[in-house]
Amino acid sequence: MINSISIAGLLVQLGLVVSCSPSKIESSNAGAVVTTASSASALALTANPASIAPSGSSIITAHVVDTLGNNVADGTIVTFSFAPGDQVKASLSNGQAQTVNGLATVTVTATTFSSAVANVNAVSGSASASIVITINAGVASGSGIVTVAP
């Protein structure tokens, strides 16, 4: 005979709401496995583009998922910041952004006219990640005409 207490414990561990009596087990979700989104457990960053010119901008996108690998709920907060000292090389459009379909974005704009790197960090729940934005000073590639007057 199967112990009703051990089955009830198993159902509770699976996240099902149960009520037990020695003769029966009731569940509002009988036969169904219920999964619920949890807080952020993984975060990946992308930069478009990853290299910018002085005064140029890059869009940083955070893709945030829960412990089940699903996108986190819309409105989940992602906090963005720079590594210490990098805030003098670039600026963020916002220190926080909310997810929509698991994605949150901010814009990084270069504020230095010399070559540099800026490390952008993102945190949401227990997840964190960082990405490097390269600022390339100098003349853009291509061709040009220089005319000299005597």
C-alpha atoms as a PDB file:
ATOM      1  CA  MET A   1       0.000   0.000   0.000  1.00  0.00           C
ATOM      2  CA  ILE A   2       1.336   3.462  -0.892  1.00  0.00           C
ATOM      3  CA  ASN A   3       1.714   5.914   1.934  1.00  0.00           C
ATOM      4  CA  SER A   4      -0.545   8.947   1.305  1.00  0.00           C
ATOM      5  CA  ILE A   5       1.775  11.195   3.318  1.00  0.00           C
ATOM      6  CA  SER A   6       4.756  10.465   1.040  1.00  0.00           C
ATOM      7  CA  ILE A   7       2.673  11.125  -2.084  1.00  0.00           C
ATOM      8  CA  ALA A   8       1.439  14.387  -0.573  1.00  0.00           C
ATOM      9  CA  GLY A   9       5.049  15.383   0.201  1.00  0.00           C
ATOM     10  CA  LEU A  10       6.036  14.643  -3.386  1.00  0.00           C
ATOM     11  CA  LEU A  11       3.179  16.767  -4.735  1.00  0.00           C
ATOM     12  CA  VAL A  12       4.150  19.654  -2.441  1.00  0.00           C
ATOM     13  CA  GLN A  13       7.750  19.431  -3.708  1.00  0.00           C
ATOM     14  CA  LEU A  14       6.421  19.588  -7.276  1.00  0.00           C
ATOM     15  CA  GLY A  15       4.574  22.789  -6.397  1.00  0.00           C
ATOM     16  CA  LEU A  16       1.039  21.401  -6.414  1.00  0.00           C
ATOM     17  CA  VAL A  17      -1.476  22.534  -3.824  1.00  0.00           C
ATOM     18  CA  VAL A  18      -2.805  19.498  -2.001  1.00  0.00           C
ATOM     19  CA  SER A  19      -5.036  18.553   0.863  1.00  0.00           C
ATOM     20  CA  CYS A  20      -4.618  15.104   2.404  1.00  0.00           C
ATOM     21  CA  SER A  21      -6.734  12.638   4.222  1.00  0.00           C
ATOM     22  CA  PRO A  22      -5.904   8.997   4.887  1.00  0.00           C
ATOM     23  CA  SER A  23      -8.367   7.878   2.218  1.00  0.00           C
ATOM     24  CA  LYS A  24      -7.749  10.332  -0.625  1.00  0.00           C
ATOM     25  CA  ILE A  25      -5.489  13.027  -2.088  1.00  0.00           C
ATOM     26  CA  GLU A  26      -7.085  16.055  -3.701  1.00  0.00           C
ATOM     27  CA  SER A  27      -5.412  18.525  -5.964  1.00  0.00           C
ATOM     28  CA  SER A  28      -6.753  21.506  -7.839  1.00  0.00           C
ATOM     29  CA  ASN A  29      -4.323  20.606 -10.647  1.00  0.00           C
ATOM     30  CA  ALA A  30      -4.717  16.832 -10.677  1.00  0.00           C
ATOM     31  CA  GLY A  31      -2.704  15.294 -13.483  1.00  0.00           C
ATOM     32  CA  ALA A  32      -1.003  18.556 -14.438  1.00  0.00           C
ATOM     33  CA  VAL A  33       2.527  19.686 -13.694  1.00  0.00           C
ATOM     34  CA  VAL A  34       2.476  23.324 -12.672  1.00  0.00           C
ATOM     35  CA  THR A  35       5.550  25.443 -13.304  1.00  0.00           C
ATOM     36  CA  THR A  36       5.935  28.999 -12.160  1.00  0.00           C
ATOM     37  CA  ALA A  37       8.481  31.556 -13.262  1.00  0.00           C
ATOM     38  CA  SER A  38      10.986  32.453 -10.624  1.00  0.00           C
ATOM     39  CA  SER A  39      13.414  35.317 -10.331  1.00  0.00           C
ATOM     40  CA  ALA A  40      16.250  35.801 -12.766  1.00  0.00           C
ATOM     41  CA  SER A  41      18.861  33.071 -12.649  1.00  0.00           C
ATOM     42  CA  ALA A  42      20.798  33.683 -15.874  1.00  0.00           C
ATOM     43  CA  LEU A  43      21.605  36.816 -17.841  1.00  0.00           C
ATOM     44  CA  ALA A  44      23.421  37.298 -21.171  1.00  0.00           C
ATOM     45  CA  LEU A  45      24.559  40.658 -22.575  1.00  0.00           C
ATOM     46  CA  THR A  46      25.017  41.735 -26.180  1.00  0.00           C
ATOM     47  CA  ALA A  47      26.245  45.069 -27.561  1.00  0.00           C
ATOM     48  CA  ASN A  48      25.308  46.541 -30.921  1.00  0.00           C
ATOM     49  CA  PRO A  49      27.884  47.637 -31.914  1.00  0.00           C
ATOM     50  CA  ALA A  50      30.596  46.441 -29.524  1.00  0.00           C
ATOM     51  CA  SER A  51      33.025  49.124 -30.743  1.00  0.00           C
ATOM     52  CA  ILE A  52      32.141  52.807 -30.975  1.00  0.00           C
ATOM     53  CA  ALA A  53      33.767  56.106 -31.914  1.00  0.00           C
ATOM     54  CA  PRO A  54      34.021  59.051 -29.505  1.00  0.00           C
ATOM     55  CA  SER A  55      30.475  60.383 -28.922  1.00  0.00           C
ATOM     56  CA  GLY A  56      29.169  57.167 -30.517  1.00  0.00           C
ATOM     57  CA  SER A  57      26.533  54.945 -28.958  1.00  0.00           C
ATOM     58  CA  SER A  58      25.920  51.238 -28.468  1.00  0.00           C
ATOM     59  CA  ILE A  59      22.714  49.485 -27.436  1.00  0.00           C
ATOM     60  CA  ILE A  60      23.269  46.974 -24.630  1.00  0.00           C
ATOM     61  CA  THR A  61      20.653  44.220 -24.434  1.00  0.00           C
ATOM     62  CA  ALA A  62      20.253  41.907 -21.436  1.00  0.00           C
ATOM     63  CA  HIS A  63      18.446  38.610 -22.033  1.00  0.00           C
ATOM     64  CA  VAL A  64      17.197  37.368 -18.677  1.00  0.00           C
ATOM     65  CA  VAL A  65      15.806  33.882 -17.944  1.00  0.00           C
ATOM     66  CA  ASP A  66      14.528  32.077 -14.853  1.00  0.00           C
ATOM     67  CA  THR A  67      15.662  28.754 -13.391  1.00  0.00           C
ATOM     68  CA  LEU A  68      13.576  26.883 -15.969  1.00  0.00           C
ATOM     69  CA  GLY A  69      15.216  28.722 -18.888  1.00  0.00           C
ATOM     70  CA  ASN A  70      12.087  30.764 -19.628  1.00  0.00           C
ATOM     71  CA  ASN A  71      12.109  34.516 -20.129  1.00  0.00           C
ATOM     72  CA  VAL A  72      11.484  36.309 -16.844  1.00  0.00           C
ATOM     73  CA  ALA A  73       8.187  38.107 -16.337  1.00  0.00           C
ATOM     74  CA  ASP A  74       7.755  41.462 -18.053  1.00  0.00           C
ATOM     75  CA  GLY A  75       8.760  44.286 -15.731  1.00  0.00           C
ATOM     76  CA  THR A  76      11.652  42.429 -14.093  1.00  0.00           C
ATOM     77  CA  ILE A  77      14.287  45.030 -13.151  1.00  0.00           C
ATOM     78  CA  VAL A  78      17.812  44.851 -14.587  1.00  0.00           C
ATOM     79  CA  THR A  79      20.360  47.223 -13.026  1.00  0.00           C
ATOM     80  CA  PHE A  80      23.197  48.453 -15.261  1.00  0.00           C
ATOM     81  CA  SER A  81      26.454  50.049 -14.097  1.00  0.00           C
ATOM     82  CA  PHE A  82      30.085  50.543 -15.072  1.00  0.00           C
ATOM     83  CA  ALA A  83      33.168  48.991 -13.531  1.00  0.00           C
ATOM     84  CA  PRO A  84      34.802  51.518 -11.161  1.00  0.00           C
ATOM     85  CA  GLY A  85      36.348  54.382 -13.125  1.00  0.00           C
ATOM     86  CA  ASP A  86      34.645  53.571 -16.424  1.00  0.00           C
ATOM     87  CA  GLN A  87      31.836  56.098 -15.881  1.00  0.00           C
ATOM     88  CA  VAL A  88      34.266  58.847 -17.000  1.00  0.00           C
ATOM     89  CA  LYS A  89      34.683  57.081 -20.365  1.00  0.00           C
ATOM     90  CA  ALA A  90      30.997  56.601 -21.184  1.00  0.00           C
ATOM     91  CA  SER A  91      27.493  57.265 -19.927  1.00  0.00           C
ATOM     92  CA  LEU A  92      24.386  55.118 -19.572  1.00  0.00           C
ATOM     93  CA  SER A  93      20.965  56.221 -20.756  1.00  0.00           C
ATOM     94  CA  ASN A  94      19.520  54.717 -17.572  1.00  0.00           C
ATOM     95  CA  GLY A  95      20.770  52.792 -14.547  1.00  0.00           C
ATOM     96  CA  GLN A  96      17.812  50.416 -14.653  1.00  0.00           C
ATOM     97  CA  ALA A  97      15.574  48.927 -17.305  1.00  0.00           C
ATOM     98  CA  GLN A  98      12.546  46.649 -17.197  1.00  0.00           C
ATOM     99  CA  THR A  99      12.274  43.466 -19.223  1.00  0.00           C
ATOM    100  CA  VAL A 100       9.822  42.941 -22.063  1.00  0.00           C
ATOM    101  CA  ASN A 101       9.781  39.372 -23.367  1.00  0.00           C
ATOM    102  CA  GLY A 102      12.900  38.709 -21.279  1.00  0.00           C
ATOM    103  CA  LEU A 103      14.883  41.605 -22.784  1.00  0.00           C
ATOM    104  CA  ALA A 104      16.011  44.886 -21.199  1.00  0.00           C
ATOM    105  CA  THR A 105      18.045  47.539 -23.042  1.00  0.00           C
ATOM    106  CA  VAL A 106      20.078  50.648 -22.283  1.00  0.00           C
ATOM    107  CA  THR A 107      22.256  52.862 -24.442  1.00  0.00           C
ATOM    108  CA  VAL A 108      25.953  53.494 -23.741  1.00  0.00           C
ATOM    109  CA  THR A 109      27.442  56.692 -25.183  1.00  0.00           C
ATOM    110  CA  ALA A 110      31.191  57.376 -25.297  1.00  0.00           C
ATOM    111  CA  THR A 111      32.186  60.551 -23.450  1.00  0.00           C
ATOM    112  CA  THR A 112      35.949  60.399 -24.030  1.00  0.00           C
ATOM    113  CA  PHE A 113      37.842  61.331 -27.180  1.00  0.00           C
ATOM    114  CA  SER A 114      40.680  58.918 -26.520  1.00  0.00           C
ATOM    115  CA  SER A 115      40.794  55.180 -27.053  1.00  0.00           C
ATOM    116  CA  ALA A 116      39.380  53.325 -24.051  1.00  0.00           C
ATOM    117  CA  VAL A 117      37.247  50.440 -22.903  1.00  0.00           C
ATOM    118  CA  ALA A 118      34.156  50.614 -20.716  1.00  0.00           C
ATOM    119  CA  ASN A 119      32.986  47.556 -18.784  1.00  0.00           C
ATOM    120  CA  VAL A 120      29.198  47.464 -18.485  1.00  0.00           C
ATOM    121  CA  ASN A 121      27.757  45.303 -15.708  1.00  0.00           C
ATOM    122  CA  ALA A 122      24.169  44.070 -15.399  1.00  0.00           C
ATOM    123  CA  VAL A 123      22.446  42.429 -12.436  1.00  0.00           C
ATOM    124  CA  SER A 124      18.967  40.983 -11.994  1.00  0.00           C
ATOM    125  CA  GLY A 125      18.055  38.670  -9.142  1.00  0.00           C
ATOM    126  CA  SER A 126      20.910  36.211  -8.684  1.00  0.00           C
ATOM    127  CA  ALA A 127      22.103  36.667 -12.273  1.00  0.00           C
ATOM    128  CA  SER A 128      24.893  38.979 -13.399  1.00  0.00           C
ATOM    129  CA  ALA A 129      27.019  39.549 -16.482  1.00  0.00           C
ATOM    130  CA  SER A 130      29.392  42.116 -17.954  1.00  0.00           C
ATOM    131  CA  ILE A 131      30.433  43.183 -21.426  1.00  0.00           C
ATOM    132  CA  VAL A 132      33.238  45.375 -22.762  1.00  0.00           C
ATOM    133  CA  ILE A 133      32.554  48.326 -25.067  1.00  0.00           C
ATOM    134  CA  THR A 134      35.609  49.533 -26.995  1.00  0.00           C
ATOM    135  CA  ILE A 135      35.941  53.248 -27.754  1.00  0.00           C
ATOM    136  CA  ASN A 136      38.170  53.827 -30.773  1.00  0.00           C
ATOM    137  CA  ALA A 137      39.592  57.329 -31.145  1.00  0.00           C
ATOM    138  CA  GLY A 138      41.028  58.513 -34.423  1.00  0.00           C
ATOM    139  CA  VAL A 139      39.976  59.042 -37.988  1.00  0.00           C
ATOM    140  CA  ALA A 140      37.312  56.797 -39.431  1.00  0.00           C
ATOM    141  CA  SER A 141      38.394  54.454 -42.168  1.00  0.00           C
ATOM    142  CA  GLY A 142      37.704  55.331 -45.773  1.00  0.00           C
ATOM    143  CA  SER A 143      39.109  57.805 -48.247  1.00  0.00           C
ATOM    144  CA  GLY A 144      39.154  61.557 -48.366  1.00  0.00           C
ATOM    145  CA  ILE A 145      40.555  64.415 -50.392  1.00  0.00           C
ATOM    146  CA  VAL A 146      42.861  66.974 -48.867  1.00  0.00           C
ATOM    147  CA  THR A 147      43.477  70.206 -50.747  1.00  0.00           C
ATOM    148  CA  VAL A 148      46.320  72.513 -49.750  1.00  0.00           C
ATOM    149  CA  ALA A 149      46.284  76.180 -50.752  1.00  0.00           C
ATOM    150  CA  PRO A 150      49.678  77.859 -51.203  1.00  0.00           C
END
